[in-house]
Amino acid sequence: MSLGPYASYIVTSYSLVAAIVLILIVWIAIDYRLQKERLREFEAGGVTRRSGRQATDV
């Protein structure tokens, strides 16, 4: 496959986009784990979510 005189630009662009998408996926996965851990700490400390309460709890 010949990409012509712009081959280096095309390959560089696609490589950078792939790297950025991969970094974002890793960042979101790490943040998800941190948020789940923070939520577990809150619940262990007695803080509950409003969505977890029943109508009779209010």
N, C-alpha and C. Protein backbone atom coordinates (compact mmCIF):
# COMPACT_ATOMS: atom_id res chain seq x y z
N MET A 1 0.85 -1.17 0.00
CA MET A 1 0.00 0.00 0.00
C MET A 1 0.90 1.24 0.00
N SER A 2 0.70 2.07 -0.98
CA SER A 2 1.49 3.28 -1.11
C SER A 2 0.67 4.47 -0.64
N LEU A 3 1.21 5.20 0.31
CA LEU A 3 0.52 6.36 0.85
C LEU A 3 1.00 7.66 0.22
N GLY A 4 1.91 7.58 -0.69
CA GLY A 4 2.38 8.76 -1.39
C GLY A 4 3.34 9.60 -0.57
N PRO A 5 3.49 10.87 -0.96
CA PRO A 5 4.47 11.73 -0.30
C PRO A 5 4.07 12.12 1.13
N TYR A 6 2.81 11.85 1.52
CA TYR A 6 2.34 12.22 2.85
C TYR A 6 2.32 11.04 3.82
N ALA A 7 3.03 9.99 3.48
CA ALA A 7 3.02 8.78 4.29
C ALA A 7 3.46 9.04 5.74
N SER A 8 4.50 9.81 5.91
CA SER A 8 4.99 10.04 7.28
C SER A 8 3.96 10.82 8.09
N TYR A 9 3.28 11.79 7.47
CA TYR A 9 2.24 12.56 8.16
C TYR A 9 1.07 11.66 8.54
N ILE A 10 0.64 10.81 7.63
CA ILE A 10 -0.50 9.92 7.88
C ILE A 10 -0.17 8.93 8.99
N VAL A 11 0.97 8.30 8.91
CA VAL A 11 1.36 7.31 9.91
C VAL A 11 1.54 7.96 11.27
N THR A 12 2.16 9.14 11.31
CA THR A 12 2.35 9.86 12.57
C THR A 12 1.00 10.25 13.18
N SER A 13 0.10 10.75 12.36
CA SER A 13 -1.22 11.17 12.85
C SER A 13 -1.99 10.00 13.44
N TYR A 14 -2.05 8.91 12.71
CA TYR A 14 -2.77 7.74 13.21
C TYR A 14 -2.12 7.18 14.47
N SER A 15 -0.80 7.21 14.53
CA SER A 15 -0.10 6.71 15.73
C SER A 15 -0.40 7.58 16.94
N LEU A 16 -0.40 8.89 16.76
CA LEU A 16 -0.70 9.79 17.86
C LEU A 16 -2.14 9.64 18.34
N VAL A 17 -3.07 9.51 17.42
CA VAL A 17 -4.47 9.32 17.80
C VAL A 17 -4.64 8.01 18.55
N ALA A 18 -4.01 6.95 18.08
CA ALA A 18 -4.11 5.66 18.77
C ALA A 18 -3.52 5.75 20.18
N ALA A 19 -2.40 6.45 20.33
CA ALA A 19 -1.78 6.60 21.64
C ALA A 19 -2.67 7.42 22.57
N ILE A 20 -3.27 8.49 22.07
CA ILE A 20 -4.14 9.32 22.90
C ILE A 20 -5.37 8.54 23.34
N VAL A 21 -5.97 7.79 22.43
CA VAL A 21 -7.15 6.99 22.78
C VAL A 21 -6.78 5.94 23.83
N LEU A 22 -5.64 5.31 23.68
CA LEU A 22 -5.19 4.32 24.66
C LEU A 22 -4.96 4.97 26.03
N ILE A 23 -4.35 6.14 26.04
CA ILE A 23 -4.11 6.85 27.30
C ILE A 23 -5.44 7.20 27.97
N LEU A 24 -6.41 7.66 27.19
CA LEU A 24 -7.71 7.99 27.74
C LEU A 24 -8.42 6.77 28.33
N ILE A 25 -8.32 5.64 27.66
CA ILE A 25 -8.94 4.41 28.16
C ILE A 25 -8.31 4.01 29.49
N VAL A 26 -6.99 4.06 29.57
CA VAL A 26 -6.29 3.72 30.81
C VAL A 26 -6.66 4.70 31.92
N TRP A 27 -6.71 5.98 31.61
CA TRP A 27 -7.06 7.01 32.58
C TRP A 27 -8.47 6.80 33.12
N ILE A 28 -9.41 6.49 32.25
CA ILE A 28 -10.78 6.25 32.68
C ILE A 28 -10.86 5.00 33.55
N ALA A 29 -10.15 3.94 33.21
CA ALA A 29 -10.15 2.72 34.01
C ALA A 29 -9.58 2.97 35.41
N ILE A 30 -8.49 3.72 35.49
CA ILE A 30 -7.89 4.03 36.79
C ILE A 30 -8.82 4.90 37.61
N ASP A 31 -9.43 5.91 36.99
CA ASP A 31 -10.35 6.80 37.70
C ASP A 31 -11.57 6.03 38.19
N TYR A 32 -12.06 5.10 37.39
CA TYR A 32 -13.21 4.28 37.80
C TYR A 32 -12.88 3.50 39.07
N ARG A 33 -11.71 2.89 39.10
CA ARG A 33 -11.31 2.12 40.29
C ARG A 33 -11.17 3.02 41.51
N LEU A 34 -10.60 4.20 41.32
CA LEU A 34 -10.45 5.14 42.44
C LEU A 34 -11.81 5.61 42.95
N GLN A 35 -12.74 5.89 42.05
CA GLN A 35 -14.07 6.33 42.47
C GLN A 35 -14.82 5.22 43.20
N LYS A 36 -14.69 3.98 42.74
CA LYS A 36 -15.33 2.85 43.42
C LYS A 36 -14.75 2.67 44.81
N GLU A 37 -13.44 2.84 44.96
CA GLU A 37 -12.81 2.72 46.27
C GLU A 37 -13.27 3.84 47.19
N ARG A 38 -13.36 5.06 46.68
CA ARG A 38 -13.83 6.19 47.48
C ARG A 38 -15.27 5.96 47.93
N LEU A 39 -16.09 5.43 47.05
CA LEU A 39 -17.48 5.14 47.40
C LEU A 39 -17.55 4.07 48.49
N ARG A 40 -16.70 3.05 48.39
CA ARG A 40 -16.66 2.02 49.44
C ARG A 40 -16.26 2.62 50.79
N GLU A 41 -15.29 3.55 50.77
CA GLU A 41 -14.87 4.20 52.01
C GLU A 41 -16.00 5.02 52.61
N PHE A 42 -16.74 5.76 51.80
CA PHE A 42 -17.87 6.53 52.30
C PHE A 42 -18.93 5.63 52.90
N GLU A 43 -19.26 4.54 52.21
CA GLU A 43 -20.29 3.63 52.70
C GLU A 43 -19.84 2.94 53.99
N ALA A 44 -18.55 2.64 54.10
CA ALA A 44 -18.03 2.03 55.32
C ALA A 44 -18.10 3.02 56.48
N GLY A 45 -18.00 4.31 56.18
CA GLY A 45 -18.07 5.34 57.21
C GLY A 45 -19.49 5.74 57.58
N GLY A 46 -20.48 5.11 56.95
CA GLY A 46 -21.86 5.39 57.30
C GLY A 46 -22.58 6.32 56.35
N VAL A 47 -21.88 6.85 55.37
CA VAL A 47 -22.52 7.72 54.39
C VAL A 47 -23.21 6.84 53.36
N THR A 48 -24.48 7.12 53.10
CA THR A 48 -25.21 6.31 52.12
C THR A 48 -25.62 7.17 50.93
N ARG A 49 -25.93 6.51 49.84
CA ARG A 49 -26.40 7.21 48.65
C ARG A 49 -27.88 7.43 48.74
N ARG A 50 -28.34 8.56 48.24
CA ARG A 50 -29.77 8.85 48.26
C ARG A 50 -30.53 7.84 47.43
N SER A 51 -29.93 7.34 46.35
CA SER A 51 -30.62 6.37 45.51
C SER A 51 -30.78 5.03 46.22
N GLY A 52 -30.03 4.80 47.28
CA GLY A 52 -30.11 3.54 48.01
C GLY A 52 -31.16 3.54 49.11
N ARG A 53 -31.78 4.72 49.40
CA ARG A 53 -32.77 4.80 50.45
C ARG A 53 -34.16 4.44 49.93
N GLN A 54 -34.97 3.92 50.81
CA GLN A 54 -36.37 3.65 50.51
C GLN A 54 -37.19 4.90 50.81
N ALA A 55 -38.41 4.97 50.30
CA ALA A 55 -39.28 6.11 50.54
C ALA A 55 -39.64 6.22 52.02
N THR A 56 -39.65 5.10 52.73
CA THR A 56 -40.00 5.11 54.15
C THR A 56 -38.83 5.54 55.03
N ASP A 57 -37.60 5.60 54.45
CA ASP A 57 -36.41 5.99 55.23
C ASP A 57 -36.34 7.49 55.45
N VAL A 58 -37.05 8.26 54.68
CA VAL A 58 -36.95 9.72 54.72
C VAL A 58 -37.57 10.30 55.92
